[in-house]
Structure formats: structure tokens, C-alpha cells
Amino acid sequence: MEHNQFKTWLKQHEIEHEEKWLERFESAFKGDEQAIVNIALLYKEYGQYDEMYDLLDKASKRQNSEAMYELGNCYFEDLGEKGSEHQAFLLYKSAAQLGHRDAMNNLADMYLNGEGTTVDEQQALRWFKKAAQLGVAEAMFALGMMYEQGLGTECDESQAFAYYSRSAEQQDVEAMYRIGMIYFSGELGQQQDNEKALEWFLKASEQFHVDATFNIGYCYEYGYGVTQDNEKATHYYKKASLLGDLEATKKVLSYYEMTDAAEASKWREKLIVLNNDIYE
């Protein structure tokens, strides 16, 4: 795509900051690898997949790890019907070997799940550790799971809890929820503690984690770690229902069937709609 064509394309799509993108286009034309990646990702956002693949491939051949990682994502997501898990695996591996931390995490995922390659739990553990050392919260969570379940290593409850905790401290929502469940059930060598469980459920709920939100309602309904309060329980069950939770919707309906016939009728209709959506 030539300069004038790109300028016309920007106007057609009403893309803001036209001058900035034109400058990046010129830099990409001159070989600036980061500009090439940026333009490619703009094409990705607007569905220009042929142009996207062309640019990312160009930068990848120059050993640009960010381009390799993004190109791997495109193949994995099957954008433009060019899906190839094996090609994604190879690109993630190349980027990971060049030090790209998110590529390390994705490579580890593919080894763990046997996507684009054979299952290799030891390699998964190795690459998750490398990614975790570089601060990838998802990799820390995965390591917690692997040590808990004995995947690629022996079970180690202490290590599992330590990795889950590190991930939760990095704001990983699944880790926050898992820590909550660990305290709620007294797992991985931790004493059962409803108050700590509720604290972590609340943190996960702030990031719209549906199961954590449901569990807060459950804690208020039965008085786990907090004073029993059916109104607050219903408040959190409503939030979980809005996130698509069927059981939470049933809880709200049950509450209103005892307190407000008109509201019960509304929630009965919502339950029918949600139930239909789930089983369509």
C-alpha cells in the first residue's frame, strides 16, 4: 500500500491521529521494525489481514521478537483463515528464544496442552518458569497449577501456594479467585479462613470474575467470614447473574419469591432467557 493509498484508507476508516499514523507508515517504509509492527496491528484491528501478515512476516524475518509473537497470535487465532497451531508454535518458540516473555508463556501453554506440538510437561514447566521470572502473572498461575497437580514435576503444596500468591499480587484474576478458594477450603497447607477467602473473592469480583462474585453472595447468605445478610447476598447474586451465572439467577429468584412477587416475576423471565441462551 502506497502513502496516498494508506492516507485514503485512514480517512475511510475514520482513524484518529492521522498524522501520527502517516509518520509511522513512513518509518515502516524506511525499515523501522517497531513501526512495521504498529502498522500491522492497526491493519489487524480493522480486518486487513493480508497486509497484516505481510508486514509481520517481513519484520519476523529480521528476527524481531515482537513481530514473531504477534504473527504467532494471528496464526493461532486463525485470522484470515490462515490458522496453523504448528506455525504459531514455531513463531512463539523463536520469539521466546530471543527473550520475549509473553511468547515464553504462550510456548509453555502449547507444550502443556499439546497444541502445535506433542505434550511436554517438562518443557512447559521450563518456559513458564522463564516467563514468571520476567514477571508474567499468567505463567505464575500456571506454575501454581502444575505444582499443585504434579504436572512436569512432583506435587509441592508450598510451591503451588507461593506461585498462586505471586500471581495474585500481580493482579491475575484467576489467581485471586484460586487463593480465595484455598482459604475457603483450607487447601495447600493453609488454615481455613473465611475472612481471607472473602477478601480475595472481593478482589477477583472487582475484575468481574463470575464465580468469585457468586461466592461473595454465598458468604453473605450463610455468614461465612461476614455477618449473614440476605440483602447483600442478593446484591452479589444479581451481579453474578448479570455476568451470566445461572445458579446466581436462581438464588435471586428464590429470594424475591419470598419477598416481592413483582420482582420474582421479572427474575423468572430472566431465568428463562438465560437458560435458553446457555442451551442454544
C-alpha atoms as a PDB file:
ATOM      1  CA  MET A   1       0.000   0.000   0.000  1.00  0.00           C
ATOM      2  CA  GLU A   2       1.458   3.359  -1.061  1.00  0.00           C
ATOM      3  CA  HIS A   3       1.499   6.501   1.079  1.00  0.00           C
ATOM      4  CA  ASN A   4      -1.515   8.105  -0.605  1.00  0.00           C
ATOM      5  CA  GLN A   5      -3.438   4.828  -0.507  1.00  0.00           C
ATOM      6  CA  PHE A   6      -2.706   4.486   3.205  1.00  0.00           C
ATOM      7  CA  LYS A   7      -3.827   8.078   3.792  1.00  0.00           C
ATOM      8  CA  THR A   8      -7.092   7.381   1.954  1.00  0.00           C
ATOM      9  CA  TRP A   9      -7.542   4.175   3.965  1.00  0.00           C
ATOM     10  CA  LEU A  10      -7.113   6.087   7.231  1.00  0.00           C
ATOM     11  CA  LYS A  11      -9.796   8.559   6.178  1.00  0.00           C
ATOM     12  CA  GLN A  12     -12.176   5.810   5.054  1.00  0.00           C
ATOM     13  CA  HIS A  13     -11.972   4.164   8.455  1.00  0.00           C
ATOM     14  CA  GLU A  14     -12.077   7.497  10.319  1.00  0.00           C
ATOM     15  CA  ILE A  15      -8.930   6.588  12.232  1.00  0.00           C
ATOM     16  CA  GLU A  16      -7.855   9.252  14.707  1.00  0.00           C
ATOM     17  CA  HIS A  17      -4.374  10.800  14.849  1.00  0.00           C
ATOM     18  CA  GLU A  18      -3.878  10.600  11.089  1.00  0.00           C
ATOM     19  CA  GLU A  19      -0.555  12.456  11.135  1.00  0.00           C
ATOM     20  CA  LYS A  20       0.886  10.088  13.715  1.00  0.00           C
ATOM     21  CA  TRP A  21      -0.057   7.066  11.626  1.00  0.00           C
ATOM     22  CA  LEU A  22       1.324   8.636   8.462  1.00  0.00           C
ATOM     23  CA  GLU A  23       4.622   9.232  10.250  1.00  0.00           C
ATOM     24  CA  ARG A  24       4.672   5.616  11.391  1.00  0.00           C
ATOM     25  CA  PHE A  25       3.873   4.462   7.861  1.00  0.00           C
ATOM     26  CA  GLU A  26       6.850   6.417   6.545  1.00  0.00           C
ATOM     27  CA  SER A  27       9.081   4.974   9.271  1.00  0.00           C
ATOM     28  CA  ALA A  28       7.868   1.468   8.441  1.00  0.00           C
ATOM     29  CA  PHE A  29       8.589   2.101   4.764  1.00  0.00           C
ATOM     30  CA  LYS A  30      12.154   3.020   5.740  1.00  0.00           C
ATOM     31  CA  GLY A  31      12.544  -0.224   7.697  1.00  0.00           C
ATOM     32  CA  ASP A  32      11.720   0.781  11.284  1.00  0.00           C
ATOM     33  CA  GLU A  33      10.733  -2.602  12.738  1.00  0.00           C
ATOM     34  CA  GLN A  34       8.586  -1.265  15.601  1.00  0.00           C
ATOM     35  CA  ALA A  35       6.717   0.965  13.147  1.00  0.00           C
ATOM     36  CA  ILE A  36       6.152  -2.075  10.927  1.00  0.00           C
ATOM     37  CA  VAL A  37       4.634  -3.966  13.851  1.00  0.00           C
ATOM     38  CA  ASN A  38       2.469  -0.993  14.815  1.00  0.00           C
ATOM     39  CA  ILE A  39       1.082  -0.612  11.301  1.00  0.00           C
ATOM     40  CA  ALA A  40       0.482  -4.372  11.123  1.00  0.00           C
ATOM     41  CA  LEU A  41      -1.516  -4.289  14.357  1.00  0.00           C
ATOM     42  CA  LEU A  42      -3.563  -1.383  13.012  1.00  0.00           C
ATOM     43  CA  TYR A  43      -4.375  -3.481   9.956  1.00  0.00           C
ATOM     44  CA  LYS A  44      -5.302  -6.345  12.302  1.00  0.00           C
ATOM     45  CA  GLU A  45      -7.724  -4.134  14.212  1.00  0.00           C
ATOM     46  CA  TYR A  46      -9.549  -3.245  11.002  1.00  0.00           C
ATOM     47  CA  GLY A  47      -9.509  -6.697   9.418  1.00  0.00           C
ATOM     48  CA  GLN A  48      -6.839  -6.023   6.763  1.00  0.00           C
ATOM     49  CA  TYR A  49      -5.322  -9.453   7.294  1.00  0.00           C
ATOM     50  CA  ASP A  50      -3.301  -9.833   4.085  1.00  0.00           C
ATOM     51  CA  GLU A  51      -1.450  -6.582   4.765  1.00  0.00           C
ATOM     52  CA  MET A  52      -1.051  -7.550   8.434  1.00  0.00           C
ATOM     53  CA  TYR A  53       0.503 -10.934   7.646  1.00  0.00           C
ATOM     54  CA  ASP A  54       2.799  -9.390   5.044  1.00  0.00           C
ATOM     55  CA  LEU A  55       4.220  -6.793   7.430  1.00  0.00           C
ATOM     56  CA  LEU A  56       4.583  -9.127  10.421  1.00  0.00           C
ATOM     57  CA  ASP A  57       6.286 -11.726   8.254  1.00  0.00           C
ATOM     58  CA  LYS A  58       8.666  -9.053   6.951  1.00  0.00           C
ATOM     59  CA  ALA A  59       9.664  -7.978  10.472  1.00  0.00           C
ATOM     60  CA  SER A  60       9.831 -11.578  11.729  1.00  0.00           C
ATOM     61  CA  LYS A  61      12.391 -12.440   9.065  1.00  0.00           C
ATOM     62  CA  ARG A  62      14.526  -9.678  10.568  1.00  0.00           C
ATOM     63  CA  GLN A  63      14.442 -11.561  13.891  1.00  0.00           C
ATOM     64  CA  ASN A  64      12.085  -9.068  15.536  1.00  0.00           C
ATOM     65  CA  SER A  65      10.681 -10.968  18.524  1.00  0.00           C
ATOM     66  CA  GLU A  66       7.578  -8.761  18.892  1.00  0.00           C
ATOM     67  CA  ALA A  67       6.659  -9.398  15.243  1.00  0.00           C
ATOM     68  CA  MET A  68       7.187 -13.143  15.717  1.00  0.00           C
ATOM     69  CA  TYR A  69       4.960 -13.104  18.800  1.00  0.00           C
ATOM     70  CA  GLU A  70       2.176 -11.130  17.098  1.00  0.00           C
ATOM     71  CA  LEU A  71       2.389 -13.268  13.971  1.00  0.00           C
ATOM     72  CA  GLY A  72       2.145 -16.356  16.168  1.00  0.00           C
ATOM     73  CA  ASN A  73      -1.017 -14.907  17.707  1.00  0.00           C
ATOM     74  CA  CYS A  74      -2.503 -14.355  14.251  1.00  0.00           C
ATOM     75  CA  TYR A  75      -1.845 -17.945  13.172  1.00  0.00           C
ATOM     76  CA  PHE A  76      -3.171 -19.282  16.478  1.00  0.00           C
ATOM     77  CA  GLU A  77      -6.345 -17.162  16.209  1.00  0.00           C
ATOM     78  CA  ASP A  78      -6.854 -18.304  12.585  1.00  0.00           C
ATOM     79  CA  LEU A  79      -7.140 -14.738  11.330  1.00  0.00           C
ATOM     80  CA  GLY A  80      -7.878 -14.556   7.631  1.00  0.00           C
ATOM     81  CA  GLU A  81      -8.463 -18.326   7.695  1.00  0.00           C
ATOM     82  CA  LYS A  82      -4.732 -18.940   7.943  1.00  0.00           C
ATOM     83  CA  GLY A  83      -4.863 -20.892  11.162  1.00  0.00           C
ATOM     84  CA  SER A  84      -1.863 -23.066  11.963  1.00  0.00           C
ATOM     85  CA  GLU A  85      -1.112 -24.122  15.509  1.00  0.00           C
ATOM     86  CA  HIS A  86       2.219 -25.577  14.432  1.00  0.00           C
ATOM     87  CA  GLN A  87       3.240 -22.324  12.736  1.00  0.00           C
ATOM     88  CA  ALA A  88       2.188 -20.417  15.862  1.00  0.00           C
ATOM     89  CA  PHE A  89       4.263 -22.818  17.977  1.00  0.00           C
ATOM     90  CA  LEU A  90       7.361 -22.260  15.830  1.00  0.00           C
ATOM     91  CA  LEU A  91       6.973 -18.484  15.959  1.00  0.00           C
ATOM     92  CA  TYR A  92       6.436 -18.437  19.724  1.00  0.00           C
ATOM     93  CA  LYS A  93       9.491 -20.655  20.150  1.00  0.00           C
ATOM     94  CA  SER A  94      11.662 -18.346  18.043  1.00  0.00           C
ATOM     95  CA  ALA A  95      10.424 -15.255  19.895  1.00  0.00           C
ATOM     96  CA  ALA A  96      10.866 -16.956  23.270  1.00  0.00           C
ATOM     97  CA  GLN A  97      14.446 -17.876  22.443  1.00  0.00           C
ATOM     98  CA  LEU A  98      15.027 -14.183  21.715  1.00  0.00           C
ATOM     99  CA  GLY A  99      13.723 -13.298  25.190  1.00  0.00           C
ATOM    100  CA  HIS A 100      10.088 -12.330  24.525  1.00  0.00           C
ATOM    101  CA  ARG A 101       8.320 -13.046  27.823  1.00  0.00           C
ATOM    102  CA  ASP A 102       4.750 -13.366  26.509  1.00  0.00           C
ATOM    103  CA  ALA A 103       5.966 -15.704  23.776  1.00  0.00           C
ATOM    104  CA  MET A 104       7.594 -17.796  26.519  1.00  0.00           C
ATOM    105  CA  ASN A 105       4.235 -18.039  28.291  1.00  0.00           C
ATOM    106  CA  ASN A 106       2.367 -18.985  25.113  1.00  0.00           C
ATOM    107  CA  LEU A 107       5.020 -21.510  24.157  1.00  0.00           C
ATOM    108  CA  ALA A 108       4.692 -23.109  27.575  1.00  0.00           C
ATOM    109  CA  ASP A 109       0.901 -23.255  27.147  1.00  0.00           C
ATOM    110  CA  MET A 110       1.315 -25.055  23.840  1.00  0.00           C
ATOM    111  CA  TYR A 111       3.705 -27.591  25.353  1.00  0.00           C
ATOM    112  CA  LEU A 112       1.313 -28.147  28.254  1.00  0.00           C
ATOM    113  CA  ASN A 113      -1.782 -28.625  26.072  1.00  0.00           C
ATOM    114  CA  GLY A 114      -0.157 -30.295  23.087  1.00  0.00           C
ATOM    115  CA  GLU A 115      -1.133 -27.519  20.673  1.00  0.00           C
ATOM    116  CA  GLY A 116       1.016 -27.453  17.543  1.00  0.00           C
ATOM    117  CA  THR A 117       3.386 -29.920  19.165  1.00  0.00           C
ATOM    118  CA  THR A 118       3.372 -33.000  21.376  1.00  0.00           C
ATOM    119  CA  VAL A 119       2.614 -32.625  25.075  1.00  0.00           C
ATOM    120  CA  ASP A 120       5.812 -31.982  27.031  1.00  0.00           C
ATOM    121  CA  GLU A 121       5.160 -31.025  30.645  1.00  0.00           C
ATOM    122  CA  GLN A 122       8.840 -30.596  31.464  1.00  0.00           C
ATOM    123  CA  GLN A 123       9.286 -28.076  28.656  1.00  0.00           C
ATOM    124  CA  ALA A 124       6.075 -26.342  29.742  1.00  0.00           C
ATOM    125  CA  LEU A 125       7.420 -26.043  33.281  1.00  0.00           C
ATOM    126  CA  ARG A 126      10.752 -24.728  31.995  1.00  0.00           C
ATOM    127  CA  TRP A 127       9.216 -21.988  29.853  1.00  0.00           C
ATOM    128  CA  PHE A 128       6.595 -20.994  32.418  1.00  0.00           C
ATOM    129  CA  LYS A 129       9.448 -20.502  34.899  1.00  0.00           C
ATOM    130  CA  LYS A 130      11.333 -18.309  32.445  1.00  0.00           C
ATOM    131  CA  ALA A 131       8.214 -16.215  31.814  1.00  0.00           C
ATOM    132  CA  ALA A 132       7.461 -15.976  35.543  1.00  0.00           C
ATOM    133  CA  GLN A 133      10.997 -14.749  36.227  1.00  0.00           C
ATOM    134  CA  LEU A 134      10.242 -11.912  33.799  1.00  0.00           C
ATOM    135  CA  GLY A 135       7.022 -11.011  35.621  1.00  0.00           C
ATOM    136  CA  VAL A 136       4.279 -12.761  33.617  1.00  0.00           C
ATOM    137  CA  ALA A 137       1.415 -13.274  36.082  1.00  0.00           C
ATOM    138  CA  GLU A 138      -0.317 -15.911  33.936  1.00  0.00           C
ATOM    139  CA  ALA A 139       2.849 -18.009  33.980  1.00  0.00           C
ATOM    140  CA  MET A 140       2.991 -17.755  37.774  1.00  0.00           C
ATOM    141  CA  PHE A 141      -0.599 -19.014  37.958  1.00  0.00           C
ATOM    142  CA  ALA A 142       0.186 -21.890  35.603  1.00  0.00           C
ATOM    143  CA  LEU A 143       3.163 -22.866  37.752  1.00  0.00           C
ATOM    144  CA  GLY A 144       0.917 -22.895  40.799  1.00  0.00           C
ATOM    145  CA  MET A 145      -1.391 -25.297  38.998  1.00  0.00           C
ATOM    146  CA  MET A 146       1.486 -27.503  37.835  1.00  0.00           C
ATOM    147  CA  TYR A 147       2.994 -27.795  41.310  1.00  0.00           C
ATOM    148  CA  GLU A 148      -0.449 -28.415  42.809  1.00  0.00           C
ATOM    149  CA  GLN A 149      -1.280 -31.181  40.329  1.00  0.00           C
ATOM    150  CA  GLY A 150       2.205 -32.606  39.853  1.00  0.00           C
ATOM    151  CA  LEU A 151       2.469 -31.791  36.141  1.00  0.00           C
ATOM    152  CA  GLY A 152       6.058 -31.958  34.897  1.00  0.00           C
ATOM    153  CA  THR A 153       7.240 -32.056  38.490  1.00  0.00           C
ATOM    154  CA  GLU A 154       6.405 -33.575  41.845  1.00  0.00           C
ATOM    155  CA  CYS A 155       3.447 -32.160  43.775  1.00  0.00           C
ATOM    156  CA  ASP A 156       4.587 -29.375  46.075  1.00  0.00           C
ATOM    157  CA  GLU A 157       1.862 -27.554  48.004  1.00  0.00           C
ATOM    158  CA  SER A 158       4.232 -24.909  49.301  1.00  0.00           C
ATOM    159  CA  GLN A 159       5.484 -24.038  45.815  1.00  0.00           C
ATOM    160  CA  ALA A 160       1.959 -24.094  44.420  1.00  0.00           C
ATOM    161  CA  PHE A 161       0.700 -21.633  47.005  1.00  0.00           C
ATOM    162  CA  ALA A 162       3.746 -19.417  46.568  1.00  0.00           C
ATOM    163  CA  TYR A 163       3.212 -19.152  42.800  1.00  0.00           C
ATOM    164  CA  TYR A 164      -0.526 -18.571  43.166  1.00  0.00           C
ATOM    165  CA  SER A 165       0.241 -15.815  45.681  1.00  0.00           C
ATOM    166  CA  ARG A 166       2.799 -14.144  43.399  1.00  0.00           C
ATOM    167  CA  SER A 167       0.315 -14.242  40.530  1.00  0.00           C
ATOM    168  CA  ALA A 168      -2.479 -12.795  42.672  1.00  0.00           C
ATOM    169  CA  GLU A 169      -0.193  -9.988  43.823  1.00  0.00           C
ATOM    170  CA  GLN A 170       0.326  -9.197  40.114  1.00  0.00           C
ATOM    171  CA  GLN A 171      -3.481  -8.812  39.819  1.00  0.00           C
ATOM    172  CA  ASP A 172      -4.154 -12.039  37.915  1.00  0.00           C
ATOM    173  CA  VAL A 173      -7.889 -12.552  38.447  1.00  0.00           C
ATOM    174  CA  GLU A 174      -7.816 -16.364  38.274  1.00  0.00           C
ATOM    175  CA  ALA A 175      -5.072 -16.424  40.896  1.00  0.00           C
ATOM    176  CA  MET A 176      -7.091 -14.119  43.161  1.00  0.00           C
ATOM    177  CA  TYR A 177     -10.053 -16.458  42.895  1.00  0.00           C
ATOM    178  CA  ARG A 178      -7.871 -19.531  43.484  1.00  0.00           C
ATOM    179  CA  ILE A 179      -6.340 -18.002  46.618  1.00  0.00           C
ATOM    180  CA  GLY A 180      -9.872 -17.312  47.844  1.00  0.00           C
ATOM    181  CA  MET A 181     -10.843 -20.940  47.304  1.00  0.00           C
ATOM    182  CA  ILE A 182      -7.659 -22.153  49.015  1.00  0.00           C
ATOM    183  CA  TYR A 183      -8.534 -20.202  52.158  1.00  0.00           C
ATOM    184  CA  PHE A 184     -12.228 -21.099  51.929  1.00  0.00           C
ATOM    185  CA  SER A 185     -11.449 -24.829  51.792  1.00  0.00           C
ATOM    186  CA  GLY A 186      -8.217 -24.896  53.799  1.00  0.00           C
ATOM    187  CA  GLU A 187      -6.096 -26.312  50.981  1.00  0.00           C
ATOM    188  CA  LEU A 188      -2.366 -26.392  50.136  1.00  0.00           C
ATOM    189  CA  GLY A 189      -1.320 -26.361  53.771  1.00  0.00           C
ATOM    190  CA  GLN A 190      -3.245 -23.164  54.585  1.00  0.00           C
ATOM    191  CA  GLN A 191      -5.585 -22.890  57.530  1.00  0.00           C
ATOM    192  CA  GLN A 192      -9.235 -22.482  56.623  1.00  0.00           C
ATOM    193  CA  ASP A 193     -10.030 -18.761  56.910  1.00  0.00           C
ATOM    194  CA  ASN A 194     -13.376 -17.414  55.671  1.00  0.00           C
ATOM    195  CA  GLU A 195     -12.402 -13.783  56.159  1.00  0.00           C
ATOM    196  CA  LYS A 196      -9.288 -14.120  53.996  1.00  0.00           C
ATOM    197  CA  ALA A 197     -11.304 -16.077  51.445  1.00  0.00           C
ATOM    198  CA  LEU A 198     -13.885 -13.301  51.238  1.00  0.00           C
ATOM    199  CA  GLU A 199     -11.133 -10.696  50.899  1.00  0.00           C
ATOM    200  CA  TRP A 200      -9.749 -12.450  47.814  1.00  0.00           C
ATOM    201  CA  PHE A 201     -13.190 -13.118  46.351  1.00  0.00           C
ATOM    202  CA  LEU A 202     -13.882  -9.382  46.595  1.00  0.00           C
ATOM    203  CA  LYS A 203     -10.639  -8.563  44.779  1.00  0.00           C
ATOM    204  CA  ALA A 204     -11.472 -11.000  41.984  1.00  0.00           C
ATOM    205  CA  SER A 205     -15.046  -9.726  41.790  1.00  0.00           C
ATOM    206  CA  GLU A 206     -13.740  -6.212  41.143  1.00  0.00           C
ATOM    207  CA  GLN A 207     -12.381  -7.678  37.888  1.00  0.00           C
ATOM    208  CA  PHE A 208     -15.789  -9.239  37.120  1.00  0.00           C
ATOM    209  CA  HIS A 209     -14.886 -12.828  37.983  1.00  0.00           C
ATOM    210  CA  VAL A 210     -18.275 -14.526  37.965  1.00  0.00           C
ATOM    211  CA  ASP A 211     -17.501 -17.421  40.350  1.00  0.00           C
ATOM    212  CA  ALA A 212     -15.874 -15.095  42.876  1.00  0.00           C
ATOM    213  CA  THR A 213     -18.900 -12.809  42.717  1.00  0.00           C
ATOM    214  CA  PHE A 214     -21.247 -15.753  43.283  1.00  0.00           C
ATOM    215  CA  ASN A 215     -19.130 -16.896  46.239  1.00  0.00           C
ATOM    216  CA  ILE A 216     -19.418 -13.477  47.892  1.00  0.00           C
ATOM    217  CA  GLY A 217     -23.183 -13.828  47.706  1.00  0.00           C
ATOM    218  CA  TYR A 218     -22.861 -17.308  49.180  1.00  0.00           C
ATOM    219  CA  CYS A 219     -20.714 -15.992  52.056  1.00  0.00           C
ATOM    220  CA  TYR A 220     -23.288 -13.320  52.884  1.00  0.00           C
ATOM    221  CA  GLU A 221     -26.165 -15.784  52.587  1.00  0.00           C
ATOM    222  CA  TYR A 222     -24.674 -18.239  55.071  1.00  0.00           C
ATOM    223  CA  GLY A 223     -22.495 -15.925  57.174  1.00  0.00           C
ATOM    224  CA  TYR A 224     -19.051 -17.213  56.165  1.00  0.00           C
ATOM    225  CA  GLY A 225     -16.455 -14.648  57.229  1.00  0.00           C
ATOM    226  CA  VAL A 226     -19.103 -11.954  57.475  1.00  0.00           C
ATOM    227  CA  THR A 227     -22.399 -11.222  59.230  1.00  0.00           C
ATOM    228  CA  GLN A 228     -25.249 -13.016  57.484  1.00  0.00           C
ATOM    229  CA  ASP A 229     -27.152 -10.561  55.281  1.00  0.00           C
ATOM    230  CA  ASN A 230     -29.663 -11.772  52.688  1.00  0.00           C
ATOM    231  CA  GLU A 231     -29.938  -8.358  51.010  1.00  0.00           C
ATOM    232  CA  LYS A 232     -26.187  -8.159  50.422  1.00  0.00           C
ATOM    233  CA  ALA A 233     -26.180 -11.783  49.316  1.00  0.00           C
ATOM    234  CA  THR A 234     -28.860 -10.966  46.760  1.00  0.00           C
ATOM    235  CA  HIS A 235     -26.888  -7.907  45.617  1.00  0.00           C
ATOM    236  CA  TYR A 236     -23.891 -10.074  44.719  1.00  0.00           C
ATOM    237  CA  TYR A 237     -26.043 -12.824  43.244  1.00  0.00           C
ATOM    238  CA  LYS A 238     -27.556 -10.154  40.960  1.00  0.00           C
ATOM    239  CA  LYS A 239     -24.053  -9.104  39.863  1.00  0.00           C
ATOM    240  CA  ALA A 240     -23.160 -12.727  39.143  1.00  0.00           C
ATOM    241  CA  SER A 241     -26.418 -13.136  37.230  1.00  0.00           C
ATOM    242  CA  LEU A 242     -25.561 -10.146  35.051  1.00  0.00           C
ATOM    243  CA  LEU A 243     -22.289 -11.928  34.274  1.00  0.00           C
ATOM    244  CA  GLY A 244     -24.323 -14.889  33.036  1.00  0.00           C
ATOM    245  CA  ASP A 245     -24.404 -17.195  36.072  1.00  0.00           C
ATOM    246  CA  LEU A 246     -27.485 -19.428  36.042  1.00  0.00           C
ATOM    247  CA  GLU A 247     -27.288 -20.525  39.693  1.00  0.00           C
ATOM    248  CA  ALA A 248     -26.995 -16.919  40.846  1.00  0.00           C
ATOM    249  CA  THR A 249     -30.159 -16.084  38.905  1.00  0.00           C
ATOM    250  CA  LYS A 250     -31.955 -18.935  40.660  1.00  0.00           C
ATOM    251  CA  LYS A 251     -30.790 -17.553  44.001  1.00  0.00           C
ATOM    252  CA  VAL A 252     -32.176 -14.093  43.202  1.00  0.00           C
ATOM    253  CA  LEU A 253     -35.476 -15.577  42.055  1.00  0.00           C
ATOM    254  CA  SER A 254     -35.732 -17.628  45.238  1.00  0.00           C
ATOM    255  CA  TYR A 255     -35.174 -14.509  47.367  1.00  0.00           C
ATOM    256  CA  TYR A 256     -37.853 -12.491  45.589  1.00  0.00           C
ATOM    257  CA  GLU A 257     -40.339 -15.352  45.625  1.00  0.00           C
ATOM    258  CA  MET A 258     -40.359 -14.881  49.390  1.00  0.00           C
ATOM    259  CA  THR A 259     -40.275 -11.066  49.443  1.00  0.00           C
ATOM    260  CA  ASP A 260     -41.610  -9.436  46.262  1.00  0.00           C
ATOM    261  CA  ALA A 261     -43.951 -11.146  43.786  1.00  0.00           C
ATOM    262  CA  ALA A 262     -43.496  -8.494  41.085  1.00  0.00           C
ATOM    263  CA  GLU A 263     -39.688  -8.726  41.186  1.00  0.00           C
ATOM    264  CA  ALA A 264     -39.953 -12.511  41.278  1.00  0.00           C
ATOM    265  CA  SER A 265     -41.889 -12.400  38.014  1.00  0.00           C
ATOM    266  CA  LYS A 266     -39.151 -10.310  36.361  1.00  0.00           C
ATOM    267  CA  TRP A 267     -36.401 -12.622  37.536  1.00  0.00           C
ATOM    268  CA  ARG A 268     -38.364 -15.699  36.467  1.00  0.00           C
ATOM    269  CA  GLU A 269     -38.366 -14.268  32.930  1.00  0.00           C
ATOM    270  CA  LYS A 270     -34.629 -13.538  33.163  1.00  0.00           C
ATOM    271  CA  LEU A 271     -34.012 -17.111  34.273  1.00  0.00           C
ATOM    272  CA  ILE A 272     -35.883 -18.465  31.249  1.00  0.00           C
ATOM    273  CA  VAL A 273     -33.917 -16.223  28.868  1.00  0.00           C
ATOM    274  CA  LEU A 274     -30.569 -17.089  30.453  1.00  0.00           C
ATOM    275  CA  ASN A 275     -31.371 -20.789  30.476  1.00  0.00           C
ATOM    276  CA  ASN A 276     -32.292 -20.661  26.774  1.00  0.00           C
ATOM    277  CA  ASP A 277     -29.075 -18.768  25.957  1.00  0.00           C
ATOM    278  CA  ILE A 278     -26.972 -21.398  27.713  1.00  0.00           C
ATOM    279  CA  TYR A 279     -28.537 -24.344  25.925  1.00  0.00           C
ATOM    280  CA  GLU A 280     -28.893 -22.848  22.451  1.00  0.00           C
END
